[in-house]
C-alpha cells in the first residue's frame, strides 16, 4: 500500500482544482488500493464528468469490488 498511500494523499490536495481525467483515474485507483472505498463512492457520485466511466468501471471490475 505504501506508494499508493502517498499518491492518494497527494492527489487529494490536487483533485479539487482540476478536471483532468487521468488525475481523477489515478485518485480513484489509489483510493481503491488504500481501501478508501467511501471516498471512491463520493468521487464517482459527485464528479462523474471528471473521469472516463468505462476506464473506471473496468478497473473496479478487475479489483472485484
N, C-alpha and C. Protein backbone atom coordinates (compact mmCIF):
# COMPACT_ATOMS: atom_id res chain seq x y z
N UNK A 1 0.82 -1.19 0.00
CA UNK A 1 0.00 0.00 0.00
C UNK A 1 0.86 1.25 0.00
N UNK A 2 2.04 1.26 0.50
CA UNK A 2 2.92 2.40 0.71
C UNK A 2 2.88 3.50 -0.32
N UNK A 3 3.30 3.22 -1.55
CA UNK A 3 3.37 4.28 -2.56
C UNK A 3 1.98 4.76 -2.97
N UNK A 4 1.00 3.87 -2.97
CA UNK A 4 -0.36 4.28 -3.30
C UNK A 4 -0.91 5.24 -2.25
N UNK A 5 -0.52 5.03 -1.01
CA UNK A 5 -0.98 5.92 0.05
C UNK A 5 -0.45 7.34 -0.17
N UNK A 6 0.82 7.45 -0.55
CA UNK A 6 1.39 8.75 -0.86
C UNK A 6 0.71 9.42 -2.03
N UNK A 7 0.45 8.64 -3.08
CA UNK A 7 -0.25 9.17 -4.26
C UNK A 7 -1.65 9.62 -3.87
N UNK A 8 -2.33 8.80 -3.06
CA UNK A 8 -3.69 9.14 -2.63
C UNK A 8 -3.71 10.47 -1.88
N UNK A 9 -2.83 10.65 -0.92
CA UNK A 9 -2.83 11.89 -0.14
C UNK A 9 -2.40 13.10 -0.97
N UNK A 10 -1.45 12.89 -1.88
CA UNK A 10 -1.05 13.99 -2.75
C UNK A 10 -2.19 14.41 -3.67
N UNK A 11 -2.81 13.44 -4.32
CA UNK A 11 -3.89 13.77 -5.25
C UNK A 11 -5.12 14.32 -4.54
N UNK A 12 -5.30 13.98 -3.28
CA UNK A 12 -6.42 14.54 -2.51
C UNK A 12 -6.30 16.05 -2.42
N UNK A 13 -5.08 16.57 -2.43
CA UNK A 13 -4.89 18.02 -2.38
C UNK A 13 -5.04 18.67 -3.74
N UNK A 14 -4.88 17.89 -4.80
CA UNK A 14 -4.92 18.40 -6.17
C UNK A 14 -6.31 18.28 -6.79
N UNK A 15 -7.03 17.28 -6.39
CA UNK A 15 -8.27 16.89 -7.08
C UNK A 15 -9.33 17.98 -7.15
N UNK A 16 -9.40 18.82 -6.16
CA UNK A 16 -10.43 19.86 -6.15
C UNK A 16 -10.14 21.00 -7.13
N UNK A 17 -8.93 21.04 -7.66
CA UNK A 17 -8.53 22.13 -8.56
C UNK A 17 -8.34 21.71 -10.00
N UNK A 18 -8.86 20.53 -10.37
CA UNK A 18 -8.65 20.05 -11.73
C UNK A 18 -9.85 19.27 -12.21
N UNK A 19 -9.95 19.14 -13.52
CA UNK A 19 -10.94 18.28 -14.16
C UNK A 19 -10.26 17.24 -15.04
N UNK A 20 -8.96 17.08 -14.86
CA UNK A 20 -8.16 16.17 -15.67
C UNK A 20 -8.59 14.72 -15.42
N UNK A 21 -8.99 14.04 -16.49
CA UNK A 21 -9.48 12.67 -16.39
C UNK A 21 -8.43 11.72 -15.82
N UNK A 22 -7.19 11.89 -16.22
CA UNK A 22 -6.12 10.98 -15.75
C UNK A 22 -5.86 11.16 -14.25
N UNK A 23 -5.90 12.38 -13.77
CA UNK A 23 -5.69 12.63 -12.35
C UNK A 23 -6.83 11.99 -11.54
N UNK A 24 -8.05 12.14 -12.01
CA UNK A 24 -9.18 11.52 -11.32
C UNK A 24 -9.06 10.00 -11.33
N UNK A 25 -8.65 9.44 -12.45
CA UNK A 25 -8.47 7.98 -12.51
C UNK A 25 -7.41 7.52 -11.52
N UNK A 26 -6.28 8.21 -11.49
CA UNK A 26 -5.21 7.84 -10.56
C UNK A 26 -5.67 8.00 -9.10
N UNK A 27 -6.48 9.02 -8.85
CA UNK A 27 -7.00 9.22 -7.50
C UNK A 27 -7.93 8.07 -7.11
N UNK A 28 -8.82 7.70 -8.01
CA UNK A 28 -9.73 6.58 -7.75
C UNK A 28 -8.94 5.29 -7.56
N UNK A 29 -7.97 5.06 -8.43
CA UNK A 29 -7.13 3.86 -8.33
C UNK A 29 -6.41 3.80 -6.99
N UNK A 30 -5.78 4.89 -6.59
CA UNK A 30 -5.05 4.89 -5.33
C UNK A 30 -5.99 4.78 -4.14
N UNK A 31 -7.17 5.37 -4.21
CA UNK A 31 -8.15 5.25 -3.13
C UNK A 31 -8.60 3.81 -2.97
N UNK A 32 -8.83 3.12 -4.07
CA UNK A 32 -9.21 1.71 -4.00
C UNK A 32 -8.10 0.90 -3.36
N UNK A 33 -6.89 1.12 -3.80
CA UNK A 33 -5.76 0.34 -3.28
C UNK A 33 -5.45 0.66 -1.81
N UNK A 34 -5.90 1.82 -1.34
CA UNK A 34 -5.74 2.19 0.08
C UNK A 34 -7.00 1.86 0.88
N UNK A 35 -7.94 1.19 0.24
CA UNK A 35 -9.20 0.78 0.88
C UNK A 35 -10.03 1.97 1.36
N UNK A 36 -9.99 3.05 0.61
CA UNK A 36 -10.79 4.25 0.90
C UNK A 36 -12.04 4.22 0.02
N UNK A 37 -12.85 3.19 0.21
CA UNK A 37 -13.97 2.94 -0.69
C UNK A 37 -15.07 3.99 -0.57
N UNK A 38 -15.26 4.56 0.60
CA UNK A 38 -16.25 5.64 0.72
C UNK A 38 -15.83 6.85 -0.11
N UNK A 39 -14.55 7.12 -0.17
CA UNK A 39 -14.04 8.23 -0.98
C UNK A 39 -14.23 7.92 -2.47
N UNK A 40 -14.02 6.69 -2.86
CA UNK A 40 -14.26 6.28 -4.24
C UNK A 40 -15.72 6.51 -4.60
N UNK A 41 -16.62 6.08 -3.73
CA UNK A 41 -18.05 6.27 -3.98
C UNK A 41 -18.40 7.75 -4.09
N UNK A 42 -17.82 8.57 -3.22
CA UNK A 42 -18.10 10.01 -3.24
C UNK A 42 -17.65 10.64 -4.55
N UNK A 43 -16.43 10.35 -4.96
CA UNK A 43 -15.88 10.94 -6.18
C UNK A 43 -16.69 10.48 -7.40
N UNK A 44 -17.02 9.22 -7.43
CA UNK A 44 -17.80 8.70 -8.56
C UNK A 44 -19.17 9.36 -8.62
N UNK A 45 -19.80 9.56 -7.49
CA UNK A 45 -21.14 10.17 -7.45
C UNK A 45 -21.11 11.66 -7.77
N UNK A 46 -20.12 12.37 -7.25
CA UNK A 46 -20.10 13.83 -7.37
C UNK A 46 -19.39 14.34 -8.62
N UNK A 47 -18.47 13.61 -9.17
CA UNK A 47 -17.61 14.11 -10.25
C UNK A 47 -17.67 13.24 -11.50
N UNK A 48 -18.84 12.80 -11.87
CA UNK A 48 -18.95 11.87 -12.99
C UNK A 48 -18.43 12.44 -14.31
N UNK A 49 -18.40 13.76 -14.44
CA UNK A 49 -17.90 14.37 -15.67
C UNK A 49 -16.38 14.48 -15.70
N UNK A 50 -15.71 14.12 -14.61
CA UNK A 50 -14.27 14.33 -14.50
C UNK A 50 -13.43 13.07 -14.70
N UNK A 51 -14.05 11.96 -15.03
CA UNK A 51 -13.29 10.73 -15.27
C UNK A 51 -13.96 9.94 -16.39
N UNK A 52 -13.22 9.02 -16.94
CA UNK A 52 -13.73 8.15 -18.00
C UNK A 52 -14.47 6.98 -17.35
N UNK A 53 -15.79 6.95 -17.45
CA UNK A 53 -16.56 5.92 -16.75
C UNK A 53 -16.20 4.49 -17.14
N UNK A 54 -15.93 4.26 -18.41
CA UNK A 54 -15.60 2.89 -18.83
C UNK A 54 -14.24 2.46 -18.28
N UNK A 55 -13.29 3.37 -18.23
CA UNK A 55 -11.97 3.06 -17.68
C UNK A 55 -12.09 2.74 -16.19
N UNK A 56 -12.86 3.54 -15.46
CA UNK A 56 -13.05 3.31 -14.02
C UNK A 56 -13.81 2.01 -13.79
N UNK A 57 -14.85 1.77 -14.58
CA UNK A 57 -15.63 0.53 -14.45
C UNK A 57 -14.74 -0.68 -14.66
N UNK A 58 -13.92 -0.65 -15.71
CA UNK A 58 -13.02 -1.78 -15.99
C UNK A 58 -12.05 -2.00 -14.82
N UNK A 59 -11.51 -0.92 -14.29
CA UNK A 59 -10.59 -1.05 -13.15
C UNK A 59 -11.29 -1.66 -11.95
N UNK A 60 -12.49 -1.16 -11.64
CA UNK A 60 -13.22 -1.67 -10.47
C UNK A 60 -13.61 -3.13 -10.66
N UNK A 61 -13.95 -3.50 -11.87
CA UNK A 61 -14.28 -4.92 -12.16
C UNK A 61 -13.03 -5.80 -11.97
N UNK A 62 -11.88 -5.31 -12.40
CA UNK A 62 -10.64 -6.08 -12.22
C UNK A 62 -10.31 -6.27 -10.74
N UNK A 63 -10.68 -5.28 -9.94
CA UNK A 63 -10.41 -5.34 -8.50
C UNK A 63 -11.43 -6.20 -7.76
N UNK A 64 -12.47 -6.61 -8.46
CA UNK A 64 -13.54 -7.46 -7.91
C UNK A 64 -14.21 -6.81 -6.70
N UNK A 65 -14.54 -5.54 -6.88
CA UNK A 65 -15.23 -4.82 -5.80
C UNK A 65 -16.72 -4.98 -5.94
